[in-house]
Amino acid sequence: MAMYTYTDGLETARLRTRFLVPEDAATWMEFVKDPINTTFFPNEDKLPDGEWVNRWIAFSIQRYGNNRYGLQAIINKESGEFIGLCGLLLQEVNGVNEVEVGYHLLRKQWYKGYASEAAQMFRDYGFETNAADSIISIIHPLNFQSKNVARKNGMTLSQQGTFFRDKEVDIFRISRKEWEKLKAK
């Protein structure tokens, strides 16, 4: 797995990315306060919402500096609206370092194709920069919407019922060879 300087400013037809900044806390609070959004990763430490948001953003910023990638803000290019977060994450799964595409959108942004568009952008970025020979998404077994995004991202279920951070998860994966075939179509 190659280490390189993680960049922001990625773009698709509708989206652009930027690194998170502490001032994003107020916007990200909307996500944290929505119990539907947080169904599959609740605030297990029972932190006050503001503290949880500030820690989340600080952890992402720390990841950027430690070559562990990190979630980035996804912005609608036309409106400038904050849509959610997406990015690459360096994760340890079953003792193996893996590169994950992670995504979390504000609920008002669901069903517009943004999650798939952003996930595909980061999948492509990961392979184009040689971040890894395969890219995964770690998904709660009951999170069917995220599983659909992973499938649209060319991923298939590679591990079922494994554990990540003491939680049962499914691992979706796409290899470089599978990605190359997908891009050739």
N, C-alpha and C. Protein backbone atom coordinates (compact mmCIF):
# COMPACT_ATOMS: atom_id res chain seq x y z
N MET A 1 0.84 -1.17 0.00
CA MET A 1 0.00 0.00 0.00
C MET A 1 0.89 1.24 0.00
N ALA A 2 0.72 2.04 -1.00
CA ALA A 2 1.55 3.24 -1.15
C ALA A 2 1.08 4.35 -0.22
N MET A 3 2.03 5.12 0.27
CA MET A 3 1.68 6.31 1.03
C MET A 3 2.01 7.52 0.16
N TYR A 4 1.16 8.48 0.16
CA TYR A 4 1.35 9.66 -0.66
C TYR A 4 0.65 10.82 0.02
N THR A 5 0.79 11.98 -0.54
CA THR A 5 0.11 13.15 0.00
C THR A 5 -1.34 13.11 -0.45
N TYR A 6 -2.23 13.11 0.49
CA TYR A 6 -3.67 13.06 0.24
C TYR A 6 -4.12 14.46 -0.15
N THR A 7 -4.86 14.57 -1.24
CA THR A 7 -5.28 15.88 -1.70
C THR A 7 -6.80 16.03 -1.68
N ASP A 8 -7.24 17.26 -1.66
CA ASP A 8 -8.65 17.56 -1.81
C ASP A 8 -8.82 18.30 -3.13
N GLY A 9 -9.98 18.90 -3.34
CA GLY A 9 -10.22 19.61 -4.59
C GLY A 9 -10.57 18.67 -5.74
N LEU A 10 -11.00 17.45 -5.41
CA LEU A 10 -11.46 16.52 -6.45
C LEU A 10 -12.80 16.99 -6.96
N GLU A 11 -13.12 16.66 -8.23
CA GLU A 11 -14.39 17.12 -8.80
C GLU A 11 -15.02 16.05 -9.67
N THR A 12 -16.35 16.08 -9.67
CA THR A 12 -17.16 15.35 -10.64
C THR A 12 -18.00 16.42 -11.34
N ALA A 13 -18.94 15.99 -12.15
CA ALA A 13 -19.81 16.96 -12.84
C ALA A 13 -20.56 17.83 -11.84
N ARG A 14 -21.00 17.24 -10.71
CA ARG A 14 -21.83 17.98 -9.76
C ARG A 14 -21.17 18.30 -8.44
N LEU A 15 -20.07 17.64 -8.11
CA LEU A 15 -19.49 17.71 -6.77
C LEU A 15 -18.04 18.16 -6.79
N ARG A 16 -17.62 18.73 -5.65
CA ARG A 16 -16.21 19.00 -5.41
C ARG A 16 -15.93 18.66 -3.94
N THR A 17 -14.67 18.43 -3.64
CA THR A 17 -14.31 18.08 -2.26
C THR A 17 -13.39 19.14 -1.67
N ARG A 18 -13.38 19.16 -0.36
CA ARG A 18 -12.39 19.96 0.37
C ARG A 18 -12.19 19.31 1.73
N PHE A 19 -11.01 19.54 2.27
CA PHE A 19 -10.74 19.03 3.61
C PHE A 19 -11.68 19.70 4.61
N LEU A 20 -12.02 18.96 5.64
CA LEU A 20 -12.84 19.52 6.71
C LEU A 20 -12.04 20.56 7.50
N VAL A 21 -12.76 21.51 8.05
CA VAL A 21 -12.19 22.52 8.92
C VAL A 21 -13.08 22.61 10.16
N PRO A 22 -12.55 23.09 11.29
CA PRO A 22 -13.36 23.17 12.51
C PRO A 22 -14.69 23.88 12.31
N GLU A 23 -14.74 24.86 11.41
CA GLU A 23 -15.98 25.61 11.19
C GLU A 23 -17.09 24.77 10.57
N ASP A 24 -16.78 23.55 10.11
CA ASP A 24 -17.81 22.66 9.58
C ASP A 24 -18.67 22.03 10.67
N ALA A 25 -18.30 22.24 11.92
CA ALA A 25 -19.03 21.61 13.03
C ALA A 25 -20.51 21.95 13.02
N ALA A 26 -20.84 23.20 12.80
CA ALA A 26 -22.25 23.60 12.83
C ALA A 26 -23.06 22.88 11.76
N THR A 27 -22.49 22.75 10.57
CA THR A 27 -23.19 22.06 9.49
C THR A 27 -23.29 20.57 9.77
N TRP A 28 -22.20 19.97 10.27
CA TRP A 28 -22.19 18.53 10.51
C TRP A 28 -23.09 18.15 11.69
N MET A 29 -23.41 19.10 12.52
CA MET A 29 -24.32 18.86 13.65
C MET A 29 -25.67 18.35 13.14
N GLU A 30 -26.12 18.82 11.98
CA GLU A 30 -27.39 18.36 11.40
C GLU A 30 -27.37 16.84 11.21
N PHE A 31 -26.25 16.30 10.78
CA PHE A 31 -26.12 14.85 10.60
C PHE A 31 -26.21 14.13 11.95
N VAL A 32 -25.44 14.61 12.90
CA VAL A 32 -25.34 13.96 14.21
C VAL A 32 -26.67 13.98 14.97
N LYS A 33 -27.45 15.03 14.82
CA LYS A 33 -28.71 15.15 15.54
C LYS A 33 -29.84 14.32 14.90
N ASP A 34 -29.60 13.78 13.72
CA ASP A 34 -30.63 13.00 13.02
C ASP A 34 -30.47 11.52 13.37
N PRO A 35 -31.41 10.95 14.14
CA PRO A 35 -31.27 9.55 14.55
C PRO A 35 -31.29 8.56 13.38
N ILE A 36 -31.88 8.92 12.26
CA ILE A 36 -31.86 8.06 11.08
C ILE A 36 -30.43 8.00 10.52
N ASN A 37 -29.80 9.17 10.41
CA ASN A 37 -28.41 9.21 9.92
C ASN A 37 -27.47 8.40 10.79
N THR A 38 -27.66 8.42 12.08
CA THR A 38 -26.71 7.80 13.00
C THR A 38 -27.12 6.39 13.45
N THR A 39 -28.08 5.79 12.77
CA THR A 39 -28.54 4.45 13.14
C THR A 39 -27.40 3.45 13.23
N PHE A 40 -26.48 3.48 12.27
CA PHE A 40 -25.46 2.45 12.19
C PHE A 40 -24.12 2.83 12.81
N PHE A 41 -24.01 3.99 13.36
CA PHE A 41 -22.84 4.34 14.17
C PHE A 41 -23.23 5.37 15.22
N PRO A 42 -23.94 4.88 16.23
CA PRO A 42 -24.39 5.78 17.29
C PRO A 42 -23.22 6.31 18.12
N ASN A 43 -23.51 7.33 18.86
CA ASN A 43 -22.55 7.97 19.76
C ASN A 43 -22.38 7.06 20.98
N GLU A 44 -21.53 6.05 20.84
CA GLU A 44 -21.39 5.04 21.90
C GLU A 44 -20.74 5.59 23.16
N ASP A 45 -19.95 6.64 23.03
CA ASP A 45 -19.31 7.24 24.20
C ASP A 45 -20.26 8.18 24.94
N LYS A 46 -21.46 8.37 24.37
CA LYS A 46 -22.49 9.23 24.97
C LYS A 46 -21.96 10.65 25.21
N LEU A 47 -21.19 11.13 24.24
CA LEU A 47 -20.68 12.50 24.33
C LEU A 47 -21.78 13.48 23.97
N PRO A 48 -21.75 14.68 24.52
CA PRO A 48 -22.67 15.71 24.03
C PRO A 48 -22.47 15.89 22.53
N ASP A 49 -23.54 16.17 21.80
CA ASP A 49 -23.45 16.24 20.33
C ASP A 49 -22.33 17.15 19.86
N GLY A 50 -22.19 18.32 20.46
CA GLY A 50 -21.15 19.25 20.04
C GLY A 50 -19.76 18.68 20.21
N GLU A 51 -19.53 17.99 21.30
CA GLU A 51 -18.23 17.38 21.54
C GLU A 51 -17.98 16.25 20.54
N TRP A 52 -19.01 15.46 20.25
CA TRP A 52 -18.89 14.36 19.29
C TRP A 52 -18.50 14.89 17.91
N VAL A 53 -19.19 15.95 17.48
CA VAL A 53 -18.91 16.56 16.18
C VAL A 53 -17.49 17.12 16.15
N ASN A 54 -17.10 17.84 17.18
CA ASN A 54 -15.76 18.43 17.21
C ASN A 54 -14.68 17.36 17.19
N ARG A 55 -14.89 16.26 17.91
CA ARG A 55 -13.91 15.16 17.90
C ARG A 55 -13.85 14.51 16.52
N TRP A 56 -15.02 14.33 15.88
CA TRP A 56 -15.07 13.70 14.56
C TRP A 56 -14.26 14.53 13.56
N ILE A 57 -14.49 15.84 13.56
CA ILE A 57 -13.78 16.72 12.63
C ILE A 57 -12.29 16.76 12.96
N ALA A 58 -11.95 16.86 14.25
CA ALA A 58 -10.54 16.89 14.64
C ALA A 58 -9.85 15.59 14.25
N PHE A 59 -10.54 14.46 14.39
CA PHE A 59 -9.96 13.17 14.02
C PHE A 59 -9.71 13.12 12.51
N SER A 60 -10.66 13.64 11.72
CA SER A 60 -10.47 13.67 10.27
C SER A 60 -9.26 14.54 9.90
N ILE A 61 -9.15 15.69 10.52
CA ILE A 61 -8.02 16.59 10.24
C ILE A 61 -6.70 15.92 10.64
N GLN A 62 -6.72 15.22 11.77
CA GLN A 62 -5.53 14.49 12.21
C GLN A 62 -5.16 13.40 11.20
N ARG A 63 -6.16 12.70 10.65
CA ARG A 63 -5.90 11.66 9.64
C ARG A 63 -5.17 12.26 8.43
N TYR A 64 -5.59 13.44 7.98
CA TYR A 64 -4.93 14.06 6.83
C TYR A 64 -3.43 14.19 7.07
N GLY A 65 -3.08 14.66 8.25
CA GLY A 65 -1.67 14.90 8.57
C GLY A 65 -0.87 13.64 8.85
N ASN A 66 -1.55 12.53 9.16
CA ASN A 66 -0.85 11.29 9.50
C ASN A 66 -0.84 10.28 8.37
N ASN A 67 -1.10 10.72 7.15
CA ASN A 67 -1.15 9.82 6.00
C ASN A 67 -2.12 8.66 6.20
N ARG A 68 -3.24 8.94 6.84
CA ARG A 68 -4.30 7.94 7.01
C ARG A 68 -5.55 8.37 6.23
N TYR A 69 -5.33 9.26 5.25
CA TYR A 69 -6.40 9.77 4.40
C TYR A 69 -7.40 10.54 5.25
N GLY A 70 -8.71 10.32 5.11
CA GLY A 70 -9.71 11.02 5.91
C GLY A 70 -10.91 11.42 5.08
N LEU A 71 -12.05 11.54 5.74
CA LEU A 71 -13.26 11.97 5.06
C LEU A 71 -13.13 13.45 4.70
N GLN A 72 -13.68 13.81 3.57
CA GLN A 72 -13.66 15.19 3.10
C GLN A 72 -15.09 15.70 2.94
N ALA A 73 -15.25 17.00 3.02
CA ALA A 73 -16.55 17.61 2.78
C ALA A 73 -16.89 17.46 1.30
N ILE A 74 -18.13 17.10 1.03
CA ILE A 74 -18.63 17.00 -0.34
C ILE A 74 -19.55 18.21 -0.54
N ILE A 75 -19.25 18.99 -1.55
CA ILE A 75 -19.94 20.25 -1.80
C ILE A 75 -20.61 20.21 -3.17
N ASN A 76 -21.85 20.65 -3.24
CA ASN A 76 -22.54 20.80 -4.52
C ASN A 76 -21.90 21.97 -5.24
N LYS A 77 -21.34 21.73 -6.43
CA LYS A 77 -20.62 22.77 -7.17
C LYS A 77 -21.54 23.93 -7.56
N GLU A 78 -22.77 23.63 -7.90
CA GLU A 78 -23.68 24.68 -8.37
C GLU A 78 -24.18 25.57 -7.23
N SER A 79 -24.61 24.94 -6.13
CA SER A 79 -25.21 25.70 -5.04
C SER A 79 -24.24 26.05 -3.91
N GLY A 80 -23.11 25.33 -3.83
CA GLY A 80 -22.19 25.53 -2.72
C GLY A 80 -22.63 24.83 -1.45
N GLU A 81 -23.73 24.08 -1.53
CA GLU A 81 -24.30 23.42 -0.35
C GLU A 81 -23.45 22.24 0.10
N PHE A 82 -23.31 22.09 1.41
CA PHE A 82 -22.62 20.98 2.05
C PHE A 82 -23.54 19.76 1.96
N ILE A 83 -23.08 18.70 1.34
CA ILE A 83 -23.90 17.50 1.11
C ILE A 83 -23.62 16.42 2.14
N GLY A 84 -22.36 16.29 2.53
CA GLY A 84 -21.97 15.25 3.47
C GLY A 84 -20.47 15.03 3.41
N LEU A 85 -20.07 13.83 3.78
CA LEU A 85 -18.66 13.48 3.81
C LEU A 85 -18.41 12.24 2.98
N CYS A 86 -17.24 12.18 2.36
CA CYS A 86 -16.80 11.00 1.64
C CYS A 86 -15.29 11.07 1.60
N GLY A 87 -14.66 9.93 1.46
CA GLY A 87 -13.21 9.93 1.34
C GLY A 87 -12.62 8.56 1.53
N LEU A 88 -11.32 8.51 1.42
CA LEU A 88 -10.57 7.30 1.68
C LEU A 88 -10.18 7.28 3.15
N LEU A 89 -10.14 6.09 3.71
CA LEU A 89 -9.75 5.91 5.10
C LEU A 89 -8.83 4.70 5.18
N LEU A 90 -7.72 4.83 5.86
CA LEU A 90 -6.86 3.70 6.12
C LEU A 90 -7.39 3.00 7.37
N GLN A 91 -7.80 1.74 7.22
CA GLN A 91 -8.41 0.99 8.32
C GLN A 91 -7.65 -0.32 8.51
N GLU A 92 -7.65 -0.82 9.73
CA GLU A 92 -7.12 -2.15 9.99
C GLU A 92 -8.31 -3.09 10.19
N VAL A 93 -8.41 -4.07 9.30
CA VAL A 93 -9.50 -5.04 9.35
C VAL A 93 -8.90 -6.44 9.43
N ASN A 94 -9.20 -7.15 10.49
CA ASN A 94 -8.67 -8.50 10.70
C ASN A 94 -7.14 -8.53 10.59
N GLY A 95 -6.50 -7.51 11.15
CA GLY A 95 -5.05 -7.46 11.17
C GLY A 95 -4.39 -7.02 9.87
N VAL A 96 -5.19 -6.58 8.89
CA VAL A 96 -4.67 -6.17 7.58
C VAL A 96 -5.02 -4.70 7.35
N ASN A 97 -4.04 -3.91 6.89
CA ASN A 97 -4.33 -2.53 6.53
C ASN A 97 -5.08 -2.51 5.20
N GLU A 98 -6.19 -1.82 5.18
CA GLU A 98 -7.05 -1.73 4.00
C GLU A 98 -7.35 -0.26 3.74
N VAL A 99 -7.60 0.07 2.48
CA VAL A 99 -8.07 1.40 2.12
C VAL A 99 -9.58 1.30 1.90
N GLU A 100 -10.32 2.10 2.64
CA GLU A 100 -11.79 2.09 2.56
C GLU A 100 -12.28 3.36 1.90
N VAL A 101 -13.35 3.23 1.12
CA VAL A 101 -14.14 4.38 0.70
C VAL A 101 -15.29 4.48 1.69
N GLY A 102 -15.35 5.58 2.43
CA GLY A 102 -16.42 5.81 3.38
C GLY A 102 -17.27 6.98 2.93
N TYR A 103 -18.55 6.96 3.28
CA TYR A 103 -19.45 8.03 2.86
C TYR A 103 -20.59 8.17 3.86
N HIS A 104 -20.94 9.41 4.14
CA HIS A 104 -22.04 9.76 5.05
C HIS A 104 -22.67 11.04 4.53
N LEU A 105 -23.93 10.98 4.15
CA LEU A 105 -24.61 12.15 3.61
C LEU A 105 -25.72 12.63 4.54
N LEU A 106 -25.93 13.94 4.55
CA LEU A 106 -27.08 14.49 5.26
C LEU A 106 -28.34 13.87 4.64
N ARG A 107 -29.30 13.54 5.46
CA ARG A 107 -30.48 12.84 4.96
C ARG A 107 -31.22 13.62 3.86
N LYS A 108 -31.24 14.93 3.94
CA LYS A 108 -31.92 15.71 2.91
C LYS A 108 -31.23 15.58 1.54
N GLN A 109 -30.04 14.98 1.51
CA GLN A 109 -29.29 14.80 0.27
C GLN A 109 -29.39 13.36 -0.28
N TRP A 110 -30.13 12.50 0.40
CA TRP A 110 -30.28 11.12 -0.05
C TRP A 110 -31.11 11.08 -1.34
N TYR A 111 -30.95 10.00 -2.06
CA TYR A 111 -31.73 9.67 -3.27
C TYR A 111 -31.50 10.66 -4.42
N LYS A 112 -30.33 11.26 -4.46
CA LYS A 112 -29.98 12.17 -5.56
C LYS A 112 -28.76 11.66 -6.32
N GLY A 113 -28.25 10.49 -5.92
CA GLY A 113 -27.08 9.90 -6.58
C GLY A 113 -25.75 10.45 -6.10
N TYR A 114 -25.77 11.33 -5.09
CA TYR A 114 -24.52 11.94 -4.62
C TYR A 114 -23.58 10.93 -3.96
N ALA A 115 -24.11 10.01 -3.18
CA ALA A 115 -23.25 9.04 -2.48
C ALA A 115 -22.49 8.19 -3.49
N SER A 116 -23.19 7.69 -4.50
CA SER A 116 -22.53 6.87 -5.52
C SER A 116 -21.51 7.69 -6.30
N GLU A 117 -21.88 8.90 -6.66
CA GLU A 117 -20.98 9.76 -7.43
C GLU A 117 -19.70 10.06 -6.64
N ALA A 118 -19.85 10.39 -5.37
CA ALA A 118 -18.69 10.69 -4.53
C ALA A 118 -17.85 9.44 -4.28
N ALA A 119 -18.50 8.32 -3.99
CA ALA A 119 -17.78 7.07 -3.73
C ALA A 119 -16.98 6.64 -4.97
N GLN A 120 -17.56 6.78 -6.15
CA GLN A 120 -16.86 6.41 -7.37
C GLN A 120 -15.67 7.34 -7.61
N MET A 121 -15.84 8.62 -7.30
CA MET A 121 -14.74 9.57 -7.44
C MET A 121 -13.56 9.16 -6.56
N PHE A 122 -13.83 8.79 -5.31
CA PHE A 122 -12.75 8.40 -4.41
C PHE A 122 -12.19 7.01 -4.75
N ARG A 123 -13.03 6.12 -5.23
CA ARG A 123 -12.54 4.81 -5.71
C ARG A 123 -11.52 5.05 -6.82
N ASP A 124 -11.91 5.86 -7.81
CA ASP A 124 -11.01 6.15 -8.93
C ASP A 124 -9.73 6.82 -8.44
N TYR A 125 -9.88 7.79 -7.55
CA TYR A 125 -8.72 8.49 -7.00
C TYR A 125 -7.78 7.50 -6.31
N GLY A 126 -8.35 6.58 -5.53
CA GLY A 126 -7.54 5.59 -4.83
C GLY A 126 -6.73 4.72 -5.77
N PHE A 127 -7.35 4.25 -6.84
CA PHE A 127 -6.61 3.41 -7.79
C PHE A 127 -5.66 4.24 -8.65
N GLU A 128 -6.08 5.41 -9.06
CA GLU A 128 -5.22 6.25 -9.90
C GLU A 128 -3.96 6.71 -9.19
N THR A 129 -4.01 6.83 -7.87
CA THR A 129 -2.84 7.24 -7.09
C THR A 129 -2.12 6.05 -6.47
N ASN A 130 -2.54 4.84 -6.85
CA ASN A 130 -1.92 3.60 -6.35
C ASN A 130 -1.97 3.48 -4.84
N ALA A 131 -3.09 3.89 -4.24
CA ALA A 131 -3.25 3.78 -2.79
C ALA A 131 -3.30 2.33 -2.34
N ALA A 132 -3.83 1.45 -3.20
CA ALA A 132 -3.98 0.03 -2.83
C ALA A 132 -4.32 -0.78 -4.06
N ASP A 133 -4.18 -2.10 -3.93
CA ASP A 133 -4.57 -3.00 -5.02
C ASP A 133 -6.03 -3.40 -4.94
N SER A 134 -6.67 -3.09 -3.80
CA SER A 134 -8.11 -3.26 -3.69
C SER A 134 -8.62 -2.20 -2.72
N ILE A 135 -9.88 -1.85 -2.87
CA ILE A 135 -10.51 -0.84 -2.02
C ILE A 135 -11.79 -1.45 -1.48
N ILE A 136 -12.06 -1.17 -0.22
CA ILE A 136 -13.21 -1.77 0.46
C ILE A 136 -14.19 -0.70 0.92
N SER A 137 -15.37 -1.15 1.31
CA SER A 137 -16.30 -0.38 2.12
C SER A 137 -16.74 -1.28 3.26
N ILE A 138 -16.72 -0.77 4.47
CA ILE A 138 -17.10 -1.50 5.68
C ILE A 138 -18.53 -1.08 6.01
N ILE A 139 -19.46 -2.05 6.00
CA ILE A 139 -20.87 -1.70 6.08
C ILE A 139 -21.59 -2.58 7.11
N HIS A 140 -22.41 -1.96 7.93
CA HIS A 140 -23.27 -2.69 8.87
C HIS A 140 -24.16 -3.64 8.07
N PRO A 141 -24.34 -4.87 8.54
CA PRO A 141 -25.14 -5.84 7.78
C PRO A 141 -26.55 -5.39 7.42
N LEU A 142 -27.14 -4.49 8.19
CA LEU A 142 -28.51 -4.04 7.91
C LEU A 142 -28.56 -2.71 7.15
N ASN A 143 -27.43 -2.17 6.78
CA ASN A 143 -27.40 -0.88 6.08
C ASN A 143 -27.50 -1.12 4.57
N PHE A 144 -28.70 -1.39 4.12
CA PHE A 144 -28.94 -1.77 2.73
C PHE A 144 -28.66 -0.62 1.77
N GLN A 145 -28.90 0.61 2.19
CA GLN A 145 -28.61 1.76 1.31
C GLN A 145 -27.11 1.85 1.02
N SER A 146 -26.29 1.68 2.04
CA SER A 146 -24.84 1.73 1.82
C SER A 146 -24.37 0.54 0.98
N LYS A 147 -25.00 -0.60 1.16
CA LYS A 147 -24.65 -1.75 0.32
C LYS A 147 -24.97 -1.47 -1.14
N ASN A 148 -26.07 -0.78 -1.40
CA ASN A 148 -26.41 -0.41 -2.78
C ASN A 148 -25.38 0.54 -3.36
N VAL A 149 -24.91 1.49 -2.56
CA VAL A 149 -23.87 2.42 -3.03
C VAL A 149 -22.60 1.62 -3.36
N ALA A 150 -22.23 0.68 -2.50
CA ALA A 150 -21.03 -0.14 -2.74
C ALA A 150 -21.16 -0.92 -4.05
N ARG A 151 -22.32 -1.49 -4.28
CA ARG A 151 -22.53 -2.24 -5.53
C ARG A 151 -22.43 -1.32 -6.74
N LYS A 152 -23.00 -0.11 -6.64
CA LYS A 152 -22.89 0.86 -7.74
C LYS A 152 -21.44 1.28 -7.94
N ASN A 153 -20.63 1.12 -6.91
CA ASN A 153 -19.22 1.45 -6.96
C ASN A 153 -18.40 0.29 -7.52
N GLY A 154 -19.08 -0.76 -8.00
CA GLY A 154 -18.40 -1.91 -8.58
C GLY A 154 -17.92 -2.92 -7.57
N MET A 155 -18.31 -2.77 -6.32
CA MET A 155 -17.86 -3.67 -5.26
C MET A 155 -18.79 -4.86 -5.12
N THR A 156 -18.22 -5.94 -4.63
CA THR A 156 -19.01 -7.13 -4.31
C THR A 156 -18.71 -7.52 -2.86
N LEU A 157 -19.63 -8.25 -2.27
CA LEU A 157 -19.46 -8.72 -0.89
C LEU A 157 -18.29 -9.69 -0.85
N SER A 158 -17.28 -9.37 -0.05
CA SER A 158 -16.12 -10.25 0.04
C SER A 158 -16.00 -10.93 1.41
N GLN A 159 -16.57 -10.33 2.45
CA GLN A 159 -16.58 -10.94 3.78
C GLN A 159 -17.89 -10.58 4.44
N GLN A 160 -18.50 -11.58 5.02
CA GLN A 160 -19.78 -11.36 5.70
C GLN A 160 -19.61 -11.74 7.15
N GLY A 161 -20.16 -10.91 8.04
CA GLY A 161 -20.15 -11.23 9.45
C GLY A 161 -18.79 -11.18 10.11
N THR A 162 -17.89 -10.36 9.58
CA THR A 162 -16.60 -10.16 10.23
C THR A 162 -16.77 -9.07 11.28
N PHE A 163 -15.76 -8.83 12.08
CA PHE A 163 -15.87 -7.83 13.12
C PHE A 163 -14.86 -6.71 12.90
N PHE A 164 -15.34 -5.49 13.08
CA PHE A 164 -14.53 -4.29 12.96
C PHE A 164 -14.91 -3.40 14.13
N ARG A 165 -13.91 -3.06 14.95
CA ARG A 165 -14.16 -2.26 16.16
C ARG A 165 -15.29 -2.85 17.00
N ASP A 166 -15.22 -4.15 17.17
CA ASP A 166 -16.16 -4.92 18.01
C ASP A 166 -17.59 -4.90 17.49
N LYS A 167 -17.79 -4.59 16.22
CA LYS A 167 -19.12 -4.59 15.61
C LYS A 167 -19.11 -5.52 14.41
N GLU A 168 -20.21 -6.25 14.24
CA GLU A 168 -20.32 -7.11 13.07
C GLU A 168 -20.53 -6.25 11.84
N VAL A 169 -19.78 -6.55 10.79
CA VAL A 169 -19.86 -5.79 9.55
C VAL A 169 -19.72 -6.72 8.35
N ASP A 170 -20.10 -6.21 7.21
CA ASP A 170 -19.84 -6.85 5.93
C ASP A 170 -18.80 -6.01 5.21
N ILE A 171 -17.92 -6.68 4.48
CA ILE A 171 -16.87 -6.00 3.73
C ILE A 171 -17.17 -6.15 2.24
N PHE A 172 -17.32 -5.03 1.57
CA PHE A 172 -17.47 -5.01 0.11
C PHE A 172 -16.12 -4.59 -0.46
N ARG A 173 -15.76 -5.15 -1.62
CA ARG A 173 -14.42 -4.93 -2.16
C ARG A 173 -14.46 -4.84 -3.68
N ILE A 174 -13.53 -4.04 -4.21
CA ILE A 174 -13.25 -4.03 -5.64
C ILE A 174 -11.73 -4.08 -5.79
N SER A 175 -11.26 -4.97 -6.65
CA SER A 175 -9.82 -5.08 -6.91
C SER A 175 -9.44 -4.13 -8.05
N ARG A 176 -8.15 -3.90 -8.16
CA ARG A 176 -7.65 -3.07 -9.26
C ARG A 176 -8.06 -3.67 -10.60
N LYS A 177 -7.94 -4.99 -10.76
CA LYS A 177 -8.31 -5.63 -12.03
C LYS A 177 -9.79 -5.44 -12.33
N GLU A 178 -10.64 -5.57 -11.32
CA GLU A 178 -12.07 -5.36 -11.52
C GLU A 178 -12.35 -3.90 -11.90
N TRP A 179 -11.64 -2.98 -11.26
CA TRP A 179 -11.80 -1.56 -11.57
C TRP A 179 -11.36 -1.27 -13.00
N GLU A 180 -10.23 -1.85 -13.41
CA GLU A 180 -9.74 -1.63 -14.78
C GLU A 180 -10.75 -2.13 -15.81
N LYS A 181 -11.36 -3.28 -15.55
CA LYS A 181 -12.40 -3.80 -16.45
C LYS A 181 -13.59 -2.86 -16.49
N LEU A 182 -13.98 -2.36 -15.32
CA LEU A 182 -15.12 -1.43 -15.22
C LEU A 182 -14.84 -0.14 -15.99
N LYS A 183 -13.63 0.38 -15.86
CA LYS A 183 -13.28 1.63 -16.54
C LYS A 183 -13.15 1.44 -18.05
N ALA A 184 -12.83 0.22 -18.48
CA ALA A 184 -12.66 -0.05 -19.92
C ALA A 184 -14.00 -0.12 -20.64
N LYS A 185 -15.10 -0.31 -19.91
CA LYS A 185 -16.43 -0.43 -20.54
C LYS A 185 -16.92 0.90 -21.05
